[in-house]
Protein backbone atom coordinates (compact mmCIF):
# COMPACT_ATOMS: atom_id res chain seq x y z
CA MET A 1 -31.08 -54.93 16.00
CA ALA A 2 -27.26 -54.72 14.43
CA LYS A 3 -24.44 -57.21 13.92
CA VAL A 4 -20.86 -54.77 12.97
CA LEU A 5 -17.75 -56.91 12.57
CA CYS A 6 -14.81 -54.97 13.36
CA VAL A 7 -11.39 -56.57 11.99
CA LEU A 8 -8.24 -55.02 13.82
CA TYR A 9 -4.55 -55.07 14.07
CA ASP A 10 -3.14 -57.28 17.03
CA ASP A 11 -2.61 -55.47 20.30
CA PRO A 12 0.54 -55.33 20.91
CA THR A 13 3.70 -57.92 21.59
CA ASP A 14 4.04 -57.09 25.29
CA GLY A 15 0.15 -56.46 26.00
CA TYR A 16 -2.20 -53.77 25.43
CA PRO A 17 -0.53 -50.37 27.20
CA THR A 18 -1.19 -48.89 30.43
CA SER A 19 0.76 -45.65 29.76
CA TYR A 20 1.65 -43.78 26.82
CA ALA A 21 4.32 -41.21 26.12
CA ARG A 22 2.18 -38.23 25.95
CA ASP A 23 -0.73 -36.59 28.45
CA ASP A 24 -2.39 -35.53 25.80
CA LEU A 25 -3.23 -34.74 22.05
CA PRO A 26 -3.35 -31.01 19.70
CA VAL A 27 -6.97 -30.72 18.71
CA ILE A 28 -7.58 -30.69 14.90
CA ASP A 29 -11.15 -28.79 14.87
CA ARG A 30 -10.46 -28.39 11.40
CA TYR A 31 -8.53 -29.97 8.02
CA PRO A 32 -6.70 -27.44 5.29
CA GLY A 33 -9.56 -26.42 3.18
CA GLY A 34 -12.35 -25.90 5.99
CA GLN A 35 -13.91 -29.12 6.21
CA THR A 36 -14.36 -30.60 9.82
CA ALA A 37 -13.01 -32.66 11.62
CA PRO A 38 -15.66 -36.04 12.62
CA THR A 39 -18.25 -34.67 14.65
CA PRO A 40 -19.69 -37.86 16.00
CA GLU A 41 -22.60 -37.11 18.94
CA ALA A 42 -20.20 -38.59 21.59
CA VAL A 43 -16.73 -40.61 22.27
CA ASP A 44 -16.27 -43.71 24.79
CA PHE A 45 -12.15 -43.52 24.67
CA THR A 46 -9.63 -41.52 25.06
CA PRO A 47 -7.87 -39.30 22.66
CA GLY A 48 -4.22 -40.30 22.55
CA ARG A 49 -4.73 -44.53 23.26
CA LEU A 50 -4.30 -46.88 21.30
CA LEU A 51 -7.75 -46.99 19.07
CA GLY A 52 -6.74 -49.45 16.37
CA SER A 53 -5.80 -52.60 17.96
CA VAL A 54 -8.10 -55.40 19.12
CA SER A 55 -8.69 -54.63 22.37
CA GLY A 56 -8.84 -50.50 21.46
CA GLU A 57 -12.18 -51.79 19.51
CA LEU A 58 -12.26 -47.87 17.94
CA GLY A 59 -13.86 -47.23 20.99
CA LEU A 60 -17.36 -48.63 19.66
CA ARG A 61 -18.43 -51.21 22.13
CA GLY A 62 -19.85 -49.07 25.20
CA PHE A 63 -21.98 -47.23 22.30
CA LEU A 64 -23.09 -50.20 20.13
CA GLU A 65 -23.89 -52.52 23.07
CA ALA A 66 -25.69 -49.97 24.65
CA ALA A 67 -28.34 -49.56 21.40
CA GLY A 68 -28.96 -53.44 21.43
CA HIS A 69 -26.34 -53.93 18.69
CA THR A 70 -23.55 -56.58 18.40
CA LEU A 71 -19.94 -55.87 17.58
CA VAL A 72 -17.38 -58.84 17.14
CA VAL A 73 -13.71 -57.96 16.82
CA THR A 74 -10.80 -60.05 15.60
CA SER A 75 -7.57 -60.09 14.12
CA ASP A 76 -7.86 -63.23 11.76
CA LYS A 77 -9.00 -62.05 8.91
CA ASP A 78 -7.13 -64.67 5.83
CA GLY A 79 -7.29 -68.06 5.11
CA ASP A 80 -9.91 -70.61 5.11
CA GLY A 81 -12.06 -70.82 8.75
CA SER A 82 -10.87 -67.35 9.43
CA VAL A 83 -13.47 -65.48 12.64
CA PHE A 84 -13.70 -62.99 9.91
CA ASP A 85 -14.95 -65.65 7.39
CA ARG A 86 -17.00 -67.08 10.01
CA GLU A 87 -18.80 -63.95 11.30
CA LEU A 88 -19.41 -62.49 7.70
CA VAL A 89 -22.39 -64.64 7.17
CA ASP A 90 -24.62 -62.50 9.09
CA ALA A 91 -22.98 -59.32 9.46
CA ASP A 92 -24.52 -56.51 8.75
CA VAL A 93 -21.89 -53.73 8.90
CA VAL A 94 -18.00 -53.98 8.39
CA ILE A 95 -15.53 -52.13 9.99
CA SER A 96 -11.66 -52.80 9.06
CA GLN A 97 -8.99 -50.20 8.68
CA PRO A 98 -6.01 -50.08 5.36
CA PHE A 99 -3.24 -50.98 7.55
CA TRP A 100 -5.18 -54.94 8.50
CA PRO A 101 -7.47 -54.63 5.70
CA ALA A 102 -10.20 -56.97 5.33
CA TYR A 103 -10.28 -57.87 1.98
CA LEU A 104 -14.18 -57.35 0.88
CA THR A 105 -13.73 -59.70 -2.07
CA ALA A 106 -16.46 -59.94 -4.44
CA GLU A 107 -16.75 -63.96 -3.37
CA ARG A 108 -18.04 -62.50 0.33
CA ILE A 109 -19.38 -59.82 -0.46
CA ALA A 110 -21.78 -62.45 -2.10
CA ALA A 111 -21.98 -65.00 0.82
CA ALA A 112 -22.93 -61.98 3.26
CA GLY A 113 -26.83 -61.43 2.49
CA ASN A 114 -26.74 -59.21 5.43
CA LEU A 115 -24.25 -56.98 4.24
CA LYS A 116 -25.21 -53.44 3.51
CA LEU A 117 -22.21 -51.30 5.30
CA ALA A 118 -18.55 -51.66 4.84
CA ILE A 119 -16.40 -48.94 6.82
CA THR A 120 -13.24 -48.10 5.94
CA ALA A 121 -11.40 -46.53 9.68
CA GLY A 122 -8.39 -44.26 7.65
CA ILE A 123 -9.09 -43.49 3.58
CA GLY A 124 -8.61 -45.54 1.11
CA SER A 125 -11.41 -48.35 0.41
CA ASP A 126 -10.03 -50.57 -2.68
CA HIS A 127 -9.96 -53.66 -0.27
CA VAL A 128 -13.76 -53.67 -0.96
CA ASP A 129 -14.69 -54.91 -4.53
CA LEU A 130 -16.34 -51.85 -5.16
CA ASP A 131 -18.14 -53.11 -8.36
CA ALA A 132 -19.81 -56.32 -6.21
CA ALA A 133 -20.10 -53.66 -3.39
CA ILE A 134 -22.46 -51.24 -6.00
CA ALA A 135 -23.91 -54.11 -7.32
CA HIS A 136 -25.17 -55.76 -3.84
CA GLY A 137 -26.62 -52.24 -2.72
CA VAL A 138 -23.89 -52.26 -0.21
CA THR A 139 -22.64 -48.46 1.24
CA VAL A 140 -19.37 -48.03 1.64
CA ALA A 141 -17.86 -45.13 3.55
CA GLU A 142 -14.34 -44.05 4.59
CA VAL A 143 -13.29 -41.34 7.30
CA THR A 144 -12.29 -38.53 4.84
CA TYR A 145 -9.12 -36.74 5.27
CA CYS A 146 -8.99 -38.06 8.84
CA ASN A 147 -5.31 -39.00 8.56
CA SER A 148 -4.13 -37.35 5.04
CA ILE A 149 -1.69 -35.23 6.96
CA SER A 150 -0.66 -38.12 8.99
CA VAL A 151 0.72 -39.44 5.61
CA ALA A 152 1.87 -36.73 4.10
CA GLU A 153 4.49 -36.07 7.39
CA HIS A 154 5.34 -40.01 6.48
CA VAL A 155 5.88 -39.13 2.71
CA VAL A 156 8.25 -36.13 4.05
CA MET A 157 9.91 -37.77 6.41
CA THR A 158 11.14 -41.05 4.86
CA THR A 159 11.95 -38.82 2.06
CA LEU A 160 14.33 -36.78 4.21
CA ALA A 161 15.31 -40.27 5.18
CA LEU A 162 16.34 -42.13 1.70
CA VAL A 163 18.12 -38.82 0.46
CA ARG A 164 20.12 -38.27 3.82
CA ASN A 165 21.37 -42.26 4.09
CA TYR A 166 19.77 -42.29 7.68
CA LEU A 167 18.21 -45.18 8.43
CA PRO A 168 22.13 -46.88 7.34
CA SER A 169 23.83 -44.39 9.63
CA HIS A 170 22.05 -45.11 12.42
CA ARG A 171 22.37 -48.85 12.56
CA VAL A 172 25.54 -47.86 12.36
CA VAL A 173 25.37 -46.21 15.78
CA LEU A 174 23.62 -49.40 16.98
CA ASP A 175 25.82 -51.54 16.01
CA GLY A 176 28.43 -49.56 17.66
CA GLY A 177 30.46 -48.51 14.60
CA TRP A 178 31.66 -44.77 14.14
CA ASN A 179 32.84 -45.40 10.60
CA ILE A 180 31.59 -41.41 8.65
CA ALA A 181 32.87 -42.59 5.69
CA ASP A 182 30.36 -45.57 5.14
CA CYS A 183 27.19 -43.28 6.46
CA VAL A 184 28.20 -40.53 3.78
CA ALA A 185 28.74 -42.30 0.66
CA ARG A 186 25.22 -42.54 -0.19
CA SER A 187 24.44 -39.40 1.56
CA TYR A 188 22.87 -36.07 -0.74
CA ASP A 189 21.03 -32.97 0.14
CA LEU A 190 17.46 -32.50 -0.91
CA GLU A 191 17.90 -28.86 -1.77
CA GLY A 192 17.84 -27.62 -5.32
CA MET A 193 16.46 -31.64 -5.72
CA GLN A 194 13.40 -32.03 -8.76
CA VAL A 195 10.18 -33.36 -6.57
CA GLY A 196 7.24 -34.60 -7.81
CA THR A 197 4.02 -36.49 -7.15
CA VAL A 198 1.73 -38.75 -8.69
CA ALA A 199 -1.62 -37.77 -7.92
CA ALA A 200 -2.29 -33.85 -5.70
CA GLY A 201 -5.09 -34.57 -3.69
CA ARG A 202 -5.31 -33.62 0.05
CA ILE A 203 -2.11 -36.09 1.16
CA GLY A 204 -0.08 -34.90 -2.75
CA LEU A 205 -1.12 -31.39 -2.36
CA ALA A 206 0.26 -31.86 2.19
CA VAL A 207 3.49 -33.30 0.46
CA LEU A 208 3.99 -30.99 -1.59
CA ARG A 209 3.06 -27.95 0.64
CA ARG A 210 5.73 -29.19 3.07
CA LEU A 211 8.38 -29.84 1.08
CA ALA A 212 8.34 -26.05 -0.79
CA PRO A 213 10.26 -24.85 2.50
CA PHE A 214 12.74 -26.80 1.10
CA GLU A 215 14.06 -25.24 -1.43
CA VAL A 216 13.25 -28.07 -4.01
CA GLY A 217 11.55 -28.26 -7.66
CA LEU A 218 7.85 -29.01 -7.02
CA HIS A 219 6.08 -31.15 -10.09
CA TYR A 220 2.88 -33.46 -9.99
CA THR A 221 0.62 -35.45 -12.19
CA ASP A 222 -3.32 -35.87 -11.66
CA ARG A 223 -6.52 -35.84 -13.81
CA HIS A 224 -7.73 -32.80 -12.04
CA ARG A 225 -5.59 -30.12 -12.23
CA LEU A 226 -4.60 -27.73 -9.53
CA PRO A 227 -6.14 -24.22 -9.51
CA ARG A 228 -3.45 -22.22 -10.74
CA ALA A 229 -3.35 -19.96 -7.89
CA VAL A 230 -1.90 -23.12 -6.10
CA GLU A 231 0.31 -23.61 -8.25
CA GLU A 232 1.77 -20.19 -8.58
CA GLU A 233 1.98 -20.26 -5.24
CA LEU A 234 3.92 -23.26 -4.78
CA GLY A 235 6.23 -23.07 -8.54
CA LEU A 236 4.47 -25.66 -9.31
CA THR A 237 5.12 -27.53 -12.59
CA PHE A 238 1.95 -29.87 -14.21
CA HIS A 239 2.86 -32.69 -16.64
CA GLU A 240 -0.24 -34.65 -18.34
CA SER A 241 1.14 -38.09 -16.78
CA ALA A 242 3.92 -39.81 -14.37
CA GLN A 243 5.61 -40.60 -17.66
CA ASP A 244 5.86 -37.27 -18.65
CA MET A 245 6.69 -36.16 -15.05
CA VAL A 246 9.12 -38.84 -13.80
CA PRO A 247 12.29 -38.48 -15.74
CA HIS A 248 12.21 -34.41 -14.66
CA CYS A 249 12.64 -35.90 -10.26
CA ASP A 250 15.23 -37.17 -8.62
CA VAL A 251 12.43 -37.64 -5.91
CA VAL A 252 8.75 -38.95 -7.27
CA THR A 253 6.21 -39.65 -4.38
CA VAL A 254 2.33 -41.83 -5.46
CA ASN A 255 -0.37 -40.54 -3.48
CA ALA A 256 -2.70 -41.70 -5.72
CA PRO A 257 -5.95 -44.35 -5.12
CA LEU A 258 -5.56 -47.73 -6.41
CA HIS A 259 -7.69 -48.45 -9.09
CA PRO A 260 -7.76 -49.96 -12.79
CA GLU A 261 -5.77 -46.72 -14.49
CA THR A 262 -3.23 -46.81 -11.68
CA GLU A 263 -2.52 -50.86 -10.91
CA GLY A 264 1.04 -51.33 -12.15
CA LEU A 265 1.80 -47.78 -12.94
CA PHE A 266 5.33 -48.20 -11.08
CA GLY A 267 6.76 -51.28 -13.33
CA ASP A 268 10.54 -52.22 -15.13
CA LYS A 269 9.91 -49.91 -18.13
CA LEU A 270 8.30 -46.35 -15.79
CA ILE A 271 10.95 -47.25 -13.52
CA GLY A 272 13.53 -47.13 -16.55
CA THR A 273 12.64 -44.11 -17.99
CA MET A 274 13.05 -42.16 -14.34
CA LYS A 275 16.58 -40.47 -13.49
CA ARG A 276 19.74 -42.76 -12.30
CA GLY A 277 19.63 -42.85 -8.60
CA ALA A 278 16.14 -41.04 -8.27
CA TYR A 279 13.95 -42.07 -5.22
CA LEU A 280 10.55 -43.28 -4.93
CA VAL A 281 8.29 -43.14 -1.85
CA ASN A 282 5.51 -44.84 -2.05
CA THR A 283 2.99 -45.12 0.72
CA ALA A 284 -0.52 -45.02 -0.78
CA ARG A 285 -1.15 -48.64 -2.34
CA ALA A 286 1.43 -51.17 -3.38
CA LEU A 287 -0.02 -52.68 -5.93
CA ILE A 288 0.72 -49.26 -7.78
CA VAL A 289 3.91 -50.99 -8.20
CA ASP A 290 5.24 -53.84 -9.40
CA ARG A 291 6.42 -55.62 -6.55
CA ASP A 292 9.80 -57.30 -8.36
CA ALA A 293 10.63 -54.26 -10.37
CA VAL A 294 11.59 -52.06 -7.30
CA ASP A 295 13.62 -55.17 -6.21
CA ARG A 296 15.75 -55.81 -9.48
CA ALA A 297 15.69 -51.32 -10.16
CA LEU A 298 17.51 -51.07 -6.68
CA ARG A 299 19.51 -54.20 -7.07
CA SER A 300 21.08 -52.59 -10.10
CA GLY A 301 21.43 -48.86 -9.31
CA GLN A 302 18.40 -47.17 -11.56
CA LEU A 303 16.70 -46.70 -8.11
CA ALA A 304 19.02 -45.05 -5.08
CA GLY A 305 16.08 -45.99 -2.35
CA TYR A 306 12.57 -47.14 -1.93
CA ALA A 307 10.21 -46.04 1.12
CA GLY A 308 7.08 -46.73 2.04
CA ASP A 309 4.87 -48.64 4.34
CA VAL A 310 2.36 -50.22 1.73
CA TRP A 311 2.75 -54.04 0.87
CA PHE A 312 0.29 -56.41 -0.75
CA PRO A 313 -0.69 -58.34 0.84
CA GLN A 314 -0.94 -57.11 4.24
CA PRO A 315 0.52 -58.24 6.44
CA ALA A 316 3.41 -58.99 4.01
CA PRO A 317 4.37 -62.68 4.39
CA ALA A 318 8.14 -63.13 5.88
CA ASP A 319 9.75 -63.86 2.84
CA HIS A 320 8.35 -61.13 0.22
CA PRO A 321 11.54 -59.39 -1.41
CA TRP A 322 11.51 -55.96 -0.23
CA ARG A 323 12.08 -56.80 3.27
CA THR A 324 15.37 -57.67 2.40
CA MET A 325 16.22 -55.64 -1.31
CA PRO A 326 19.04 -53.02 -1.07
CA HIS A 327 18.60 -49.58 -0.25
CA HIS A 328 15.15 -49.53 1.20
CA GLY A 329 12.89 -47.77 4.48
CA MET A 330 10.16 -49.64 4.02
CA THR A 331 7.81 -50.34 7.49
CA PRO A 332 4.59 -52.20 8.64
CA HIS A 333 1.29 -50.25 7.60
CA ILE A 334 1.73 -46.73 9.89
CA SER A 335 1.91 -44.00 8.44
CA GLY A 336 -1.98 -43.08 8.76
CA SER A 337 -2.08 -44.83 12.17
CA SER A 338 -0.32 -42.77 14.20
CA LEU A 339 -2.26 -42.22 17.67
CA SER A 340 -3.29 -38.83 16.63
CA ALA A 341 -5.14 -40.51 13.59
CA GLN A 342 -6.71 -43.08 15.86
CA ALA A 343 -8.65 -40.43 17.52
CA ARG A 344 -9.56 -39.04 14.41
CA TYR A 345 -10.75 -42.00 12.52
CA ALA A 346 -12.45 -43.43 15.77
CA ALA A 347 -14.70 -40.41 16.30
CA GLY A 348 -15.11 -40.60 12.50
CA THR A 349 -16.30 -44.29 12.30
CA ARG A 350 -18.67 -43.79 15.03
CA GLU A 351 -20.43 -40.61 13.30
CA ILE A 352 -20.82 -42.66 10.38
CA LEU A 353 -22.54 -45.62 12.55
CA GLU A 354 -24.65 -43.33 14.16
CA CYS A 355 -25.74 -41.62 10.90
CA TRP A 356 -26.55 -44.70 9.36
CA LEU A 357 -28.30 -46.34 12.48
CA ALA A 358 -30.65 -43.51 12.66
CA GLY A 359 -31.28 -43.52 8.91
CA ARG A 360 -29.93 -40.09 8.54
CA PRO A 361 -27.87 -39.49 5.69
CA VAL A 362 -24.01 -40.18 5.79
CA ARG A 363 -21.44 -36.76 5.18
CA GLU A 364 -21.40 -36.65 1.41
CA GLU A 365 -17.24 -36.58 1.73
CA TYR A 366 -17.93 -39.72 3.95
CA LEU A 367 -19.12 -41.61 1.03
CA ILE A 368 -17.22 -44.67 -1.24
CA VAL A 369 -20.28 -45.80 -2.52
CA ASP A 370 -24.14 -45.23 -2.55
CA GLY A 371 -27.60 -46.06 -3.70
CA GLY A 372 -25.58 -48.31 -6.35
CA ALA A 373 -22.96 -46.08 -8.02
CA LEU A 374 -20.02 -44.71 -6.94
CA ALA A 375 -20.57 -41.45 -4.46
CA GLY A 376 -19.01 -38.53 -2.67
CA ALA A 377 -15.02 -39.21 -2.53
CA GLY A 378 -15.52 -42.12 -4.33
CA ALA A 379 -16.64 -40.66 -7.27
CA HIS A 380 -14.12 -38.17 -7.50
CA ALA A 381 -11.23 -40.93 -6.47
CA TYR A 382 -12.21 -43.90 -8.16
CA SER A 383 -13.94 -45.93 -11.42
CA VAL A 384 -15.31 -48.72 -11.70
CA HIS A 385 -14.65 -51.05 -14.73
CA GLY A 386 -18.49 -53.49 -14.77
C-alpha cells in the first residue's frame, strides 16, 4: 500500500465554501490540438467545487482509502519541522500545486527513501529538482494542458488591466472619488501595439490567438519555431531570441518554463533594451525575471507596468518589494487555479495515480521525468544540467 502526501493551500479565511457563485461548469472534453482532457476511471468530487485547498483534498481521499492507501494532506510545507518534512520521510507519492509548491529539493529527495512519484496538480514542475529526481529514479508527472487556457486568459486580462490603467481607476471608485483625469493619465489603447511572447507553447500560442482580434502586431520567440501555416494565420513575426524581440514590443508576456536558460533572463540589461514605457506580464515563473530589476524599472519609468501572479518564494513574504512597487497588477498565484481548472487538474491527478498504482503506463504527455531521464512533455520543455 502507498502513502500519498498531498500539499495544498489553506482553506478560505472564512471557512470551506458551503455554496458557490455558479451551479455548473462548461464541459471541456478536448484541448486545442486534440489532446483529450483527463480521463480517470471515476471522480469523487463535483466539478466547480474548491478542490485545491486542504479541505478539498483534490477529491482523492475516498478513492485512495477505499483501496487501502494512506492520504496525508497539509498546507504546512516550509520551515524546520514542517508537516511536509516529517511526512516525506516514508512517503511513496508527493502531490503539490505550482500555486503552493512543495519544493522537492535534492536534499529532500535524498531524505525520502520511499519516494517514487512526484505529481504536479497543474503544470510546471520546476519546484522539483529534476536532476535529483533523475538520479534517484523518481518519476515526475504533471497534468499537461489542464490549466493552460486558464493562464492564457489571465495574461490577456492583466495586459488589458495594465494598458488601460484599470486597477487604479477601480480604486478611485472604491475610495469614493471621481477624478477622470487621474484615471486616464496612464490609460492607452492596446490596438496597434506590438505584443510579443517569450515562448509560444500551449500557453503562449493561446495568448497570441486571443490577442489577434485586438488588431495588434504579434511577435514570438521560442526554441521550437511554429509551423509556417500558424505564423501566416496569425501574422506572427518570429525572433531568434528574447534579446532580438523585446526592443520591438510595447507589451511582452513571459510564458516559458523555468530552466537554466531562462532563469534571470529579464534583468537590468534586457529590460533596458525594451521600449521606455513597455509593459511586462509574467505568469510563468518569478525567477525568469530579476526581482529588484523589475522594481527599479517601474520606479524609473523604463517599464510602465508589470503584472503576473508568480513569486519566489511562494507564498511571498509580507515585505516582498513587488507588493509595494508602483504600477503593478500582481495577484497571488491564481491564474491556473480557477475552479474550472481545478476540476481538470484534480481529475488528471487521479488519472495519473490510477495508472501508477495499477502499474499501467502514465500518459506520455503527462511525463516530465521517467526511467531516469527527461520524458514526454519534460523532454520538450526542460533541460537538465548534471
